[in-house]
Amino acid sequence: MTKPRVVEPEGVMGEITAESYDRMMRSLMKKGYLGTSKLIKAGITLGTALEVGPGPGYLGIEWLTKTSNTLLKGLDMSTDMITVAQRNAKEFNVEDRVDYVLGDARQMQFSDEAFDAVFSNGSLHEWSAPKTVLNEIYRVLKPGGIYYISDLRRDIALPARFLLQIAIPKERRKGFLSSLHASYTTEEISLILNETKIRNAKVKKELWTIAVTGRKL
């Protein structure tokens, strides 16, 4: 039986936490665990995209390196994370194609229908008002724009949980478990989506994640 969800504080704050989180995400990128290919498979290959909660930026950076003539806006609520993401973008030579901005996903500072795509990985469980954020994602997407939202799922099988846990640096395993306990099940996400403006979303259960995908009608 899946244990009840335990809410995690919103955002990763503090320079030490940001730096340790950066090391963990870099390790996952090297192991090919970011899921960038899934963004591309979903059709996110053109135009300007918004990444909600980019953290140290590796998913968006890798997406930029694997696509052409694309631009990225990264929205994060942590100044420390933005600093790390900007440093990483420079390291990977995509700093001229990405702009990281400080802001709250519950009230995005972007105009309606501003983006061709919106994606997010690993921050859904931190959103204090997921319905509000999902409605904001819908608002800033152009008609026909694609969204791809993925995160851990609380009901992953023990073997998959073990494999993921050993892939994470020891210093971040406590934080990983906190995020896992705060994550949703597919059933919970489906209920949340039913109370938003998003329609016809596909909610897919993967090895250790949930993926919410679709197009703005």
N, C-alpha and C. Protein backbone atom coordinates (compact mmCIF):
# COMPACT_ATOMS: atom_id res chain seq x y z
N MET A 1 0.84 -1.21 0.00
CA MET A 1 0.00 0.00 0.00
C MET A 1 0.88 1.26 0.00
N THR A 2 0.53 2.21 -0.86
CA THR A 2 1.30 3.45 -0.96
C THR A 2 1.05 4.35 0.24
N LYS A 3 2.13 4.86 0.83
CA LYS A 3 2.00 5.72 1.99
C LYS A 3 1.47 7.10 1.58
N PRO A 4 0.79 7.79 2.53
CA PRO A 4 0.28 9.14 2.22
C PRO A 4 1.42 10.08 1.85
N ARG A 5 1.08 11.06 1.05
CA ARG A 5 2.06 12.05 0.60
C ARG A 5 2.49 12.93 1.77
N VAL A 6 3.79 13.24 1.82
CA VAL A 6 4.36 14.13 2.83
C VAL A 6 4.89 15.37 2.11
N VAL A 7 4.31 16.52 2.36
CA VAL A 7 4.66 17.75 1.63
C VAL A 7 6.09 18.16 1.93
N GLU A 8 6.82 18.53 0.86
CA GLU A 8 8.19 18.99 0.97
C GLU A 8 8.21 20.51 0.83
N PRO A 9 9.10 21.21 1.56
CA PRO A 9 9.20 22.66 1.40
C PRO A 9 9.45 23.02 -0.06
N GLU A 10 8.85 24.11 -0.52
CA GLU A 10 8.94 24.50 -1.93
C GLU A 10 10.28 25.14 -2.24
N GLY A 11 10.94 24.62 -3.28
CA GLY A 11 12.18 25.22 -3.74
C GLY A 11 13.41 24.68 -3.01
N VAL A 12 14.53 24.72 -3.69
CA VAL A 12 15.81 24.34 -3.11
C VAL A 12 16.59 25.61 -2.87
N MET A 13 16.73 25.99 -1.61
CA MET A 13 17.34 27.27 -1.29
C MET A 13 18.69 27.07 -0.61
N GLY A 14 19.55 28.07 -0.75
CA GLY A 14 20.83 28.04 -0.08
C GLY A 14 21.95 27.58 -1.00
N GLU A 15 23.08 28.26 -0.93
CA GLU A 15 24.18 27.98 -1.84
C GLU A 15 24.70 26.56 -1.68
N ILE A 16 24.82 26.06 -0.43
CA ILE A 16 25.34 24.71 -0.21
C ILE A 16 24.40 23.68 -0.82
N THR A 17 23.09 23.85 -0.58
CA THR A 17 22.11 22.93 -1.14
C THR A 17 22.13 23.00 -2.66
N ALA A 18 22.22 24.19 -3.22
CA ALA A 18 22.23 24.34 -4.67
C ALA A 18 23.45 23.65 -5.27
N GLU A 19 24.59 23.78 -4.64
CA GLU A 19 25.80 23.17 -5.18
C GLU A 19 25.75 21.64 -5.08
N SER A 20 25.22 21.12 -3.98
CA SER A 20 25.12 19.66 -3.86
C SER A 20 24.08 19.10 -4.82
N TYR A 21 23.01 19.85 -5.03
CA TYR A 21 21.98 19.42 -5.98
C TYR A 21 22.55 19.45 -7.41
N ASP A 22 23.38 20.44 -7.67
CA ASP A 22 24.04 20.52 -8.97
C ASP A 22 24.89 19.28 -9.23
N ARG A 23 25.63 18.84 -8.23
CA ARG A 23 26.47 17.65 -8.39
C ARG A 23 25.62 16.41 -8.66
N MET A 24 24.50 16.31 -7.97
CA MET A 24 23.62 15.16 -8.18
C MET A 24 23.06 15.15 -9.60
N MET A 25 22.57 16.30 -10.07
CA MET A 25 21.96 16.36 -11.39
C MET A 25 23.01 16.16 -12.50
N ARG A 26 24.21 16.63 -12.27
CA ARG A 26 25.28 16.40 -13.25
C ARG A 26 25.59 14.91 -13.34
N SER A 27 25.57 14.24 -12.20
CA SER A 27 25.80 12.80 -12.19
C SER A 27 24.71 12.06 -12.95
N LEU A 28 23.44 12.48 -12.74
CA LEU A 28 22.33 11.84 -13.45
C LEU A 28 22.40 12.11 -14.95
N MET A 29 22.85 13.32 -15.32
CA MET A 29 23.00 13.63 -16.74
C MET A 29 24.04 12.72 -17.39
N LYS A 30 25.16 12.53 -16.70
CA LYS A 30 26.22 11.67 -17.24
C LYS A 30 25.75 10.23 -17.42
N LYS A 31 24.81 9.81 -16.56
CA LYS A 31 24.28 8.45 -16.65
C LYS A 31 23.12 8.34 -17.64
N GLY A 32 22.71 9.48 -18.23
CA GLY A 32 21.63 9.47 -19.20
C GLY A 32 20.26 9.38 -18.61
N TYR A 33 20.09 9.87 -17.38
CA TYR A 33 18.82 9.73 -16.66
C TYR A 33 17.91 10.96 -16.77
N LEU A 34 18.31 11.99 -17.50
CA LEU A 34 17.50 13.22 -17.51
C LEU A 34 16.23 13.10 -18.34
N GLY A 35 16.21 12.24 -19.33
CA GLY A 35 15.01 12.07 -20.14
C GLY A 35 14.85 13.11 -21.23
N THR A 36 15.97 13.72 -21.67
CA THR A 36 15.89 14.72 -22.73
C THR A 36 15.30 14.15 -24.01
N SER A 37 15.62 12.91 -24.30
CA SER A 37 15.09 12.28 -25.52
C SER A 37 13.57 12.19 -25.49
N LYS A 38 13.00 12.13 -24.30
CA LYS A 38 11.54 12.07 -24.20
C LYS A 38 10.90 13.40 -24.58
N LEU A 39 11.57 14.49 -24.26
CA LEU A 39 11.08 15.81 -24.70
C LEU A 39 11.04 15.87 -26.22
N ILE A 40 12.12 15.42 -26.82
CA ILE A 40 12.21 15.45 -28.28
C ILE A 40 11.18 14.50 -28.90
N LYS A 41 11.02 13.33 -28.32
CA LYS A 41 10.04 12.38 -28.83
C LYS A 41 8.63 12.92 -28.72
N ALA A 42 8.39 13.76 -27.70
CA ALA A 42 7.07 14.37 -27.53
C ALA A 42 6.81 15.48 -28.53
N GLY A 43 7.83 15.87 -29.31
CA GLY A 43 7.66 16.90 -30.33
C GLY A 43 8.20 18.26 -29.95
N ILE A 44 8.88 18.35 -28.81
CA ILE A 44 9.45 19.64 -28.39
C ILE A 44 10.81 19.80 -29.05
N THR A 45 10.79 20.35 -30.25
CA THR A 45 12.02 20.44 -31.06
C THR A 45 12.20 21.79 -31.72
N LEU A 46 11.22 22.67 -31.62
CA LEU A 46 11.28 23.94 -32.35
C LEU A 46 10.88 25.10 -31.46
N GLY A 47 11.31 26.29 -31.85
CA GLY A 47 10.81 27.51 -31.25
C GLY A 47 11.39 27.81 -29.88
N THR A 48 10.58 28.52 -29.10
CA THR A 48 10.98 28.96 -27.77
C THR A 48 10.22 28.18 -26.71
N ALA A 49 10.96 27.59 -25.79
CA ALA A 49 10.35 26.79 -24.73
C ALA A 49 10.56 27.45 -23.38
N LEU A 50 9.68 27.13 -22.46
CA LEU A 50 9.80 27.55 -21.07
C LEU A 50 10.06 26.31 -20.23
N GLU A 51 11.08 26.38 -19.38
CA GLU A 51 11.31 25.32 -18.41
C GLU A 51 10.94 25.84 -17.02
N VAL A 52 10.02 25.17 -16.37
CA VAL A 52 9.58 25.55 -15.03
C VAL A 52 10.42 24.77 -14.01
N GLY A 53 11.13 25.51 -13.16
CA GLY A 53 11.97 24.87 -12.16
C GLY A 53 13.19 24.18 -12.74
N PRO A 54 14.03 24.89 -13.49
CA PRO A 54 15.18 24.26 -14.13
C PRO A 54 16.27 23.82 -13.16
N GLY A 55 16.28 24.35 -11.94
CA GLY A 55 17.34 24.00 -11.01
C GLY A 55 18.69 24.35 -11.62
N PRO A 56 19.65 23.42 -11.63
CA PRO A 56 20.97 23.72 -12.21
C PRO A 56 20.97 23.75 -13.73
N GLY A 57 19.85 23.42 -14.36
CA GLY A 57 19.69 23.69 -15.78
C GLY A 57 20.01 22.58 -16.75
N TYR A 58 20.43 21.41 -16.27
CA TYR A 58 20.96 20.40 -17.19
C TYR A 58 19.96 19.88 -18.21
N LEU A 59 18.71 19.70 -17.84
CA LEU A 59 17.72 19.20 -18.80
C LEU A 59 17.57 20.18 -19.97
N GLY A 60 17.35 21.45 -19.66
CA GLY A 60 17.19 22.45 -20.70
C GLY A 60 18.44 22.64 -21.52
N ILE A 61 19.59 22.60 -20.86
CA ILE A 61 20.86 22.74 -21.57
C ILE A 61 21.05 21.59 -22.55
N GLU A 62 20.79 20.38 -22.09
CA GLU A 62 20.93 19.22 -22.97
C GLU A 62 19.94 19.29 -24.12
N TRP A 63 18.73 19.78 -23.84
CA TRP A 63 17.72 19.95 -24.89
C TRP A 63 18.21 20.93 -25.95
N LEU A 64 18.81 22.03 -25.52
CA LEU A 64 19.34 23.01 -26.47
C LEU A 64 20.44 22.41 -27.33
N THR A 65 21.31 21.60 -26.74
CA THR A 65 22.41 21.02 -27.50
C THR A 65 21.93 19.98 -28.51
N LYS A 66 20.74 19.43 -28.29
CA LYS A 66 20.22 18.38 -29.17
C LYS A 66 19.18 18.90 -30.16
N THR A 67 18.92 20.21 -30.14
CA THR A 67 17.97 20.83 -31.08
C THR A 67 18.65 22.01 -31.76
N SER A 68 18.05 22.47 -32.84
CA SER A 68 18.62 23.59 -33.60
C SER A 68 17.63 24.75 -33.66
N ASN A 69 18.16 25.97 -33.65
CA ASN A 69 17.33 27.17 -33.76
C ASN A 69 16.27 27.23 -32.68
N THR A 70 16.63 26.80 -31.49
CA THR A 70 15.70 26.83 -30.36
C THR A 70 16.22 27.79 -29.29
N LEU A 71 15.27 28.31 -28.52
CA LEU A 71 15.59 29.20 -27.40
C LEU A 71 14.88 28.69 -26.16
N LEU A 72 15.41 29.05 -25.00
CA LEU A 72 14.85 28.57 -23.74
C LEU A 72 14.77 29.69 -22.72
N LYS A 73 13.66 29.72 -22.02
CA LYS A 73 13.50 30.58 -20.86
C LYS A 73 13.38 29.66 -19.64
N GLY A 74 14.15 29.92 -18.60
CA GLY A 74 14.08 29.10 -17.39
C GLY A 74 13.54 29.92 -16.24
N LEU A 75 12.47 29.45 -15.61
CA LEU A 75 11.83 30.17 -14.50
C LEU A 75 12.09 29.42 -13.21
N ASP A 76 12.79 30.05 -12.28
CA ASP A 76 13.10 29.41 -11.00
C ASP A 76 12.91 30.41 -9.87
N MET A 77 12.56 29.90 -8.70
CA MET A 77 12.32 30.77 -7.55
C MET A 77 13.55 30.92 -6.67
N SER A 78 14.67 30.29 -7.06
CA SER A 78 15.89 30.32 -6.26
C SER A 78 16.98 31.09 -7.00
N THR A 79 17.47 32.16 -6.40
CA THR A 79 18.57 32.90 -7.00
C THR A 79 19.84 32.06 -7.06
N ASP A 80 20.03 31.20 -6.06
CA ASP A 80 21.21 30.33 -6.06
C ASP A 80 21.19 29.36 -7.24
N MET A 81 20.02 28.80 -7.51
CA MET A 81 19.90 27.87 -8.64
C MET A 81 20.11 28.59 -9.96
N ILE A 82 19.60 29.79 -10.08
CA ILE A 82 19.79 30.57 -11.31
C ILE A 82 21.27 30.83 -11.55
N THR A 83 22.00 31.15 -10.48
CA THR A 83 23.44 31.38 -10.60
C THR A 83 24.15 30.13 -11.11
N VAL A 84 23.78 28.97 -10.55
CA VAL A 84 24.39 27.71 -10.97
C VAL A 84 24.02 27.39 -12.42
N ALA A 85 22.74 27.59 -12.77
CA ALA A 85 22.29 27.29 -14.14
C ALA A 85 22.99 28.18 -15.16
N GLN A 86 23.17 29.44 -14.84
CA GLN A 86 23.86 30.36 -15.75
C GLN A 86 25.31 29.91 -15.95
N ARG A 87 25.94 29.48 -14.89
CA ARG A 87 27.32 28.98 -14.98
C ARG A 87 27.39 27.74 -15.87
N ASN A 88 26.42 26.84 -15.69
CA ASN A 88 26.41 25.61 -16.49
C ASN A 88 26.13 25.89 -17.97
N ALA A 89 25.22 26.82 -18.23
CA ALA A 89 24.91 27.18 -19.62
C ALA A 89 26.15 27.72 -20.32
N LYS A 90 26.94 28.50 -19.61
CA LYS A 90 28.18 29.02 -20.18
C LYS A 90 29.16 27.89 -20.45
N GLU A 91 29.25 26.95 -19.52
CA GLU A 91 30.17 25.82 -19.69
C GLU A 91 29.84 25.00 -20.93
N PHE A 92 28.53 24.85 -21.20
CA PHE A 92 28.10 24.03 -22.34
C PHE A 92 27.85 24.87 -23.60
N ASN A 93 28.25 26.13 -23.56
CA ASN A 93 28.22 27.02 -24.73
C ASN A 93 26.81 27.26 -25.28
N VAL A 94 25.84 27.38 -24.40
CA VAL A 94 24.48 27.71 -24.84
C VAL A 94 23.95 28.97 -24.13
N GLU A 95 24.86 29.72 -23.51
CA GLU A 95 24.41 30.87 -22.73
C GLU A 95 23.69 31.92 -23.55
N ASP A 96 23.95 31.96 -24.88
CA ASP A 96 23.29 32.93 -25.74
C ASP A 96 21.90 32.47 -26.18
N ARG A 97 21.52 31.26 -25.81
CA ARG A 97 20.20 30.72 -26.21
C ARG A 97 19.26 30.51 -25.02
N VAL A 98 19.72 30.82 -23.82
CA VAL A 98 18.88 30.59 -22.65
C VAL A 98 18.92 31.81 -21.74
N ASP A 99 17.77 32.09 -21.14
CA ASP A 99 17.64 33.21 -20.20
C ASP A 99 16.94 32.69 -18.95
N TYR A 100 17.64 32.75 -17.82
CA TYR A 100 17.05 32.30 -16.56
C TYR A 100 16.51 33.50 -15.80
N VAL A 101 15.28 33.39 -15.33
CA VAL A 101 14.65 34.50 -14.64
C VAL A 101 14.09 34.04 -13.30
N LEU A 102 14.13 34.95 -12.35
CA LEU A 102 13.59 34.69 -11.02
C LEU A 102 12.09 34.95 -11.03
N GLY A 103 11.32 33.99 -10.54
CA GLY A 103 9.88 34.19 -10.53
C GLY A 103 9.13 33.04 -9.89
N ASP A 104 7.84 33.26 -9.72
CA ASP A 104 6.95 32.31 -9.09
C ASP A 104 6.06 31.68 -10.15
N ALA A 105 6.10 30.35 -10.27
CA ALA A 105 5.31 29.67 -11.30
C ALA A 105 3.81 29.81 -11.07
N ARG A 106 3.41 30.21 -9.88
CA ARG A 106 1.98 30.41 -9.61
C ARG A 106 1.46 31.69 -10.24
N GLN A 107 2.38 32.58 -10.58
CA GLN A 107 2.01 33.85 -11.21
C GLN A 107 3.14 34.26 -12.14
N MET A 108 3.19 33.62 -13.28
CA MET A 108 4.29 33.84 -14.22
C MET A 108 4.23 35.23 -14.83
N GLN A 109 5.41 35.82 -15.03
CA GLN A 109 5.49 37.17 -15.55
C GLN A 109 5.50 37.22 -17.07
N PHE A 110 5.02 36.17 -17.72
CA PHE A 110 5.02 36.09 -19.17
C PHE A 110 3.63 36.35 -19.74
N SER A 111 3.59 36.86 -20.96
CA SER A 111 2.31 37.15 -21.60
C SER A 111 1.61 35.88 -22.04
N ASP A 112 0.34 35.98 -22.34
CA ASP A 112 -0.43 34.84 -22.83
C ASP A 112 0.18 34.35 -24.15
N GLU A 113 0.14 33.03 -24.32
CA GLU A 113 0.55 32.39 -25.59
C GLU A 113 1.96 32.81 -26.01
N ALA A 114 2.89 32.80 -25.05
CA ALA A 114 4.26 33.26 -25.31
C ALA A 114 5.20 32.16 -25.76
N PHE A 115 4.85 30.88 -25.50
CA PHE A 115 5.81 29.80 -25.73
C PHE A 115 5.26 28.69 -26.62
N ASP A 116 6.18 28.12 -27.38
CA ASP A 116 5.83 26.98 -28.24
C ASP A 116 5.75 25.69 -27.43
N ALA A 117 6.41 25.66 -26.29
CA ALA A 117 6.40 24.47 -25.45
C ALA A 117 6.73 24.85 -24.01
N VAL A 118 6.27 24.04 -23.09
CA VAL A 118 6.62 24.18 -21.67
C VAL A 118 6.98 22.81 -21.15
N PHE A 119 8.09 22.74 -20.45
CA PHE A 119 8.43 21.46 -19.82
C PHE A 119 8.98 21.68 -18.42
N SER A 120 8.90 20.62 -17.64
CA SER A 120 9.38 20.66 -16.26
C SER A 120 9.71 19.25 -15.83
N ASN A 121 10.79 19.11 -15.10
CA ASN A 121 11.15 17.79 -14.57
C ASN A 121 11.61 17.93 -13.13
N GLY A 122 10.96 17.18 -12.25
CA GLY A 122 11.42 17.09 -10.88
C GLY A 122 10.96 18.19 -9.95
N SER A 123 10.08 19.07 -10.40
CA SER A 123 9.63 20.14 -9.50
C SER A 123 8.14 20.07 -9.16
N LEU A 124 7.40 19.24 -9.85
CA LEU A 124 5.94 19.15 -9.62
C LEU A 124 5.61 18.91 -8.15
N HIS A 125 6.35 18.04 -7.50
CA HIS A 125 6.04 17.71 -6.10
C HIS A 125 6.28 18.89 -5.16
N GLU A 126 7.02 19.91 -5.62
CA GLU A 126 7.31 21.08 -4.80
C GLU A 126 6.25 22.17 -4.94
N TRP A 127 5.42 22.10 -5.98
CA TRP A 127 4.46 23.16 -6.22
C TRP A 127 3.40 23.18 -5.12
N SER A 128 3.31 24.29 -4.41
CA SER A 128 2.34 24.39 -3.31
C SER A 128 0.91 24.50 -3.83
N ALA A 129 0.75 24.95 -5.07
CA ALA A 129 -0.58 25.08 -5.68
C ALA A 129 -0.50 24.52 -7.11
N PRO A 130 -0.46 23.20 -7.26
CA PRO A 130 -0.26 22.61 -8.60
C PRO A 130 -1.33 22.99 -9.61
N LYS A 131 -2.57 23.14 -9.19
CA LYS A 131 -3.62 23.52 -10.13
C LYS A 131 -3.35 24.91 -10.71
N THR A 132 -2.90 25.81 -9.86
CA THR A 132 -2.59 27.17 -10.31
C THR A 132 -1.43 27.16 -11.30
N VAL A 133 -0.38 26.40 -11.00
CA VAL A 133 0.77 26.34 -11.90
C VAL A 133 0.39 25.71 -13.24
N LEU A 134 -0.41 24.65 -13.20
CA LEU A 134 -0.83 24.02 -14.44
C LEU A 134 -1.68 24.97 -15.29
N ASN A 135 -2.51 25.76 -14.65
CA ASN A 135 -3.30 26.75 -15.39
C ASN A 135 -2.41 27.83 -15.99
N GLU A 136 -1.35 28.20 -15.28
CA GLU A 136 -0.40 29.17 -15.81
C GLU A 136 0.35 28.59 -17.02
N ILE A 137 0.71 27.33 -16.93
CA ILE A 137 1.35 26.67 -18.07
C ILE A 137 0.43 26.71 -19.29
N TYR A 138 -0.83 26.42 -19.08
CA TYR A 138 -1.82 26.47 -20.16
C TYR A 138 -1.92 27.88 -20.74
N ARG A 139 -1.91 28.88 -19.86
CA ARG A 139 -2.05 30.27 -20.30
C ARG A 139 -0.90 30.71 -21.18
N VAL A 140 0.34 30.37 -20.82
CA VAL A 140 1.48 30.90 -21.55
C VAL A 140 1.82 30.08 -22.80
N LEU A 141 1.16 28.95 -22.98
CA LEU A 141 1.38 28.15 -24.18
C LEU A 141 0.61 28.71 -25.38
N LYS A 142 1.24 28.67 -26.54
CA LYS A 142 0.53 29.01 -27.77
C LYS A 142 -0.47 27.89 -28.10
N PRO A 143 -1.53 28.19 -28.84
CA PRO A 143 -2.42 27.12 -29.30
C PRO A 143 -1.62 26.08 -30.07
N GLY A 144 -1.82 24.83 -29.74
CA GLY A 144 -1.04 23.76 -30.35
C GLY A 144 0.29 23.51 -29.68
N GLY A 145 0.63 24.34 -28.69
CA GLY A 145 1.89 24.18 -27.97
C GLY A 145 1.91 22.91 -27.13
N ILE A 146 3.08 22.37 -26.95
CA ILE A 146 3.25 21.08 -26.27
C ILE A 146 3.71 21.30 -24.83
N TYR A 147 3.17 20.51 -23.92
CA TYR A 147 3.66 20.51 -22.54
C TYR A 147 4.13 19.11 -22.18
N TYR A 148 5.17 19.06 -21.36
CA TYR A 148 5.73 17.79 -20.88
C TYR A 148 6.18 18.01 -19.44
N ILE A 149 5.49 17.38 -18.51
CA ILE A 149 5.77 17.56 -17.09
C ILE A 149 6.06 16.19 -16.50
N SER A 150 7.23 16.03 -15.94
CA SER A 150 7.60 14.74 -15.35
C SER A 150 8.14 14.93 -13.95
N ASP A 151 7.98 13.90 -13.15
CA ASP A 151 8.45 13.95 -11.77
C ASP A 151 8.51 12.52 -11.23
N LEU A 152 9.13 12.36 -10.09
CA LEU A 152 9.10 11.08 -9.41
C LEU A 152 7.65 10.69 -9.12
N ARG A 153 7.43 9.39 -8.94
CA ARG A 153 6.12 8.94 -8.45
C ARG A 153 6.32 8.14 -7.17
N ARG A 154 5.44 8.38 -6.25
CA ARG A 154 5.58 7.84 -4.89
C ARG A 154 5.45 6.33 -4.83
N ASP A 155 4.77 5.75 -5.80
CA ASP A 155 4.48 4.32 -5.75
C ASP A 155 5.42 3.49 -6.63
N ILE A 156 6.66 3.95 -6.83
CA ILE A 156 7.58 3.16 -7.62
C ILE A 156 7.90 1.85 -6.91
N ALA A 157 8.18 0.82 -7.70
CA ALA A 157 8.50 -0.49 -7.15
C ALA A 157 9.86 -0.44 -6.44
N LEU A 158 10.02 -1.26 -5.44
CA LEU A 158 11.25 -1.25 -4.64
C LEU A 158 12.52 -1.48 -5.48
N PRO A 159 12.54 -2.40 -6.46
CA PRO A 159 13.76 -2.57 -7.26
C PRO A 159 14.14 -1.30 -8.02
N ALA A 160 13.15 -0.61 -8.59
CA ALA A 160 13.41 0.64 -9.33
C ALA A 160 13.88 1.73 -8.37
N ARG A 161 13.28 1.79 -7.20
CA ARG A 161 13.69 2.77 -6.19
C ARG A 161 15.14 2.53 -5.78
N PHE A 162 15.53 1.29 -5.62
CA PHE A 162 16.89 0.96 -5.23
C PHE A 162 17.88 1.38 -6.31
N LEU A 163 17.56 1.09 -7.57
CA LEU A 163 18.44 1.44 -8.68
C LEU A 163 18.65 2.96 -8.76
N LEU A 164 17.57 3.69 -8.58
CA LEU A 164 17.68 5.15 -8.65
C LEU A 164 18.44 5.68 -7.45
N GLN A 165 18.20 5.13 -6.30
CA GLN A 165 18.84 5.61 -5.08
C GLN A 165 20.35 5.44 -5.12
N ILE A 166 20.83 4.31 -5.66
CA ILE A 166 22.28 4.10 -5.70
C ILE A 166 22.95 4.96 -6.78
N ALA A 167 22.15 5.48 -7.72
CA ALA A 167 22.70 6.36 -8.75
C ALA A 167 22.89 7.78 -8.23
N ILE A 168 22.33 8.08 -7.08
CA ILE A 168 22.37 9.42 -6.51
C ILE A 168 23.52 9.52 -5.50
N PRO A 169 24.30 10.58 -5.53
CA PRO A 169 25.38 10.74 -4.55
C PRO A 169 24.86 10.64 -3.12
N LYS A 170 25.67 10.06 -2.23
CA LYS A 170 25.24 9.82 -0.85
C LYS A 170 24.75 11.08 -0.16
N GLU A 171 25.39 12.20 -0.45
CA GLU A 171 25.03 13.45 0.21
C GLU A 171 23.63 13.94 -0.15
N ARG A 172 23.05 13.40 -1.25
CA ARG A 172 21.73 13.84 -1.68
C ARG A 172 20.64 12.80 -1.48
N ARG A 173 20.98 11.65 -0.89
CA ARG A 173 19.98 10.58 -0.78
C ARG A 173 18.86 10.94 0.20
N LYS A 174 19.17 11.65 1.24
CA LYS A 174 18.12 12.09 2.17
C LYS A 174 17.15 13.02 1.46
N GLY A 175 17.69 13.93 0.66
CA GLY A 175 16.83 14.84 -0.10
C GLY A 175 16.00 14.10 -1.14
N PHE A 176 16.61 13.08 -1.76
CA PHE A 176 15.87 12.26 -2.72
C PHE A 176 14.66 11.61 -2.07
N LEU A 177 14.85 11.03 -0.88
CA LEU A 177 13.74 10.37 -0.19
C LEU A 177 12.66 11.37 0.20
N SER A 178 13.08 12.57 0.58
CA SER A 178 12.10 13.62 0.89
C SER A 178 11.25 13.96 -0.33
N SER A 179 11.91 14.08 -1.49
CA SER A 179 11.18 14.37 -2.73
C SER A 179 10.28 13.21 -3.13
N LEU A 180 10.77 12.00 -2.96
CA LEU A 180 9.98 10.83 -3.30
C LEU A 180 8.71 10.77 -2.47
N HIS A 181 8.82 11.02 -1.18
CA HIS A 181 7.67 10.98 -0.29
C HIS A 181 6.67 12.09 -0.57
N ALA A 182 7.17 13.18 -1.20
CA ALA A 182 6.29 14.30 -1.54
C ALA A 182 5.68 14.17 -2.93
N SER A 183 6.11 13.19 -3.70
CA SER A 183 5.64 13.06 -5.08
C SER A 183 4.24 12.45 -5.13
N TYR A 184 3.66 12.49 -6.33
CA TYR A 184 2.27 12.05 -6.53
C TYR A 184 2.21 10.68 -7.20
N THR A 185 1.05 10.09 -7.13
CA THR A 185 0.76 8.91 -7.93
C THR A 185 0.03 9.37 -9.20
N THR A 186 -0.07 8.48 -10.17
CA THR A 186 -0.77 8.84 -11.41
C THR A 186 -2.23 9.17 -11.13
N GLU A 187 -2.83 8.47 -10.21
CA GLU A 187 -4.24 8.72 -9.88
C GLU A 187 -4.42 10.12 -9.28
N GLU A 188 -3.50 10.50 -8.40
CA GLU A 188 -3.58 11.83 -7.78
C GLU A 188 -3.41 12.93 -8.82
N ILE A 189 -2.46 12.76 -9.73
CA ILE A 189 -2.23 13.77 -10.77
C ILE A 189 -3.43 13.87 -11.70
N SER A 190 -4.04 12.75 -12.02
CA SER A 190 -5.22 12.77 -12.90
C SER A 190 -6.35 13.56 -12.26
N LEU A 191 -6.54 13.42 -10.97
CA LEU A 191 -7.58 14.17 -10.26
C LEU A 191 -7.28 15.66 -10.26
N ILE A 192 -6.01 16.01 -10.08
CA ILE A 192 -5.62 17.43 -10.11
C ILE A 192 -5.86 18.02 -11.49
N LEU A 193 -5.47 17.30 -12.53
CA LEU A 193 -5.66 17.78 -13.90
C LEU A 193 -7.12 18.02 -14.23
N ASN A 194 -8.00 17.21 -13.68
CA ASN A 194 -9.43 17.35 -13.94
C ASN A 194 -9.98 18.68 -13.44
N GLU A 195 -9.25 19.35 -12.56
CA GLU A 195 -9.71 20.62 -12.00
C GLU A 195 -8.92 21.80 -12.57
N THR A 196 -8.27 21.58 -13.72
CA THR A 196 -7.53 22.66 -14.40
C THR A 196 -8.11 22.90 -15.79
N LYS A 197 -7.55 23.86 -16.49
CA LYS A 197 -7.99 24.17 -17.85
C LYS A 197 -7.39 23.20 -18.88
N ILE A 198 -6.43 22.41 -18.46
CA ILE A 198 -5.79 21.45 -19.36
C ILE A 198 -6.75 20.31 -19.67
N ARG A 199 -6.87 19.98 -20.94
CA ARG A 199 -7.77 18.91 -21.36
C ARG A 199 -6.99 17.87 -22.19
N ASN A 200 -7.45 16.64 -22.11
CA ASN A 200 -6.91 15.54 -22.92
C ASN A 200 -5.43 15.27 -22.65
N ALA A 201 -4.97 15.55 -21.45
CA ALA A 201 -3.60 15.23 -21.09
C ALA A 201 -3.43 13.72 -20.95
N LYS A 202 -2.26 13.24 -21.34
CA LYS A 202 -1.92 11.84 -21.13
C LYS A 202 -1.06 11.73 -19.88
N VAL A 203 -1.47 10.90 -18.96
CA VAL A 203 -0.71 10.67 -17.73
C VAL A 203 -0.12 9.27 -17.80
N LYS A 204 1.18 9.22 -17.93
CA LYS A 204 1.84 7.93 -18.15
C LYS A 204 2.71 7.55 -16.97
N LYS A 205 2.58 6.30 -16.54
CA LYS A 205 3.42 5.76 -15.47
C LYS A 205 4.66 5.13 -16.10
N GLU A 206 5.84 5.65 -15.72
CA GLU A 206 7.09 5.11 -16.21
C GLU A 206 7.84 4.43 -15.06
N LEU A 207 9.06 3.98 -15.32
CA LEU A 207 9.77 3.15 -14.35
C LEU A 207 9.78 3.77 -12.95
N TRP A 208 10.21 5.02 -12.87
CA TRP A 208 10.18 5.68 -11.56
C TRP A 208 9.59 7.09 -11.63
N THR A 209 8.93 7.40 -12.72
CA THR A 209 8.36 8.73 -12.88
C THR A 209 6.92 8.71 -13.39
N ILE A 210 6.31 9.87 -13.30
CA ILE A 210 5.04 10.18 -13.95
C ILE A 210 5.36 11.17 -15.07
N ALA A 211 4.74 11.01 -16.22
CA ALA A 211 4.88 11.96 -17.32
C ALA A 211 3.49 12.45 -17.72
N VAL A 212 3.31 13.76 -17.73
CA VAL A 212 2.05 14.38 -18.16
C VAL A 212 2.34 15.11 -19.46
N THR A 213 1.71 14.70 -20.53
CA THR A 213 2.01 15.26 -21.84
C THR A 213 0.74 15.62 -22.59
N GLY A 214 0.89 16.53 -23.57
CA GLY A 214 -0.23 16.88 -24.42
C GLY A 214 0.01 18.20 -25.14
N ARG A 215 -1.02 18.64 -25.85
CA ARG A 215 -0.99 19.91 -26.57
C ARG A 215 -2.13 20.80 -26.10
N LYS A 216 -1.88 22.10 -26.14
CA LYS A 216 -2.94 23.04 -25.83
C LYS A 216 -3.93 23.06 -26.98
N LEU A 217 -5.19 22.85 -26.69
CA LEU A 217 -6.21 22.81 -27.72
C LEU A 217 -6.53 24.23 -28.22
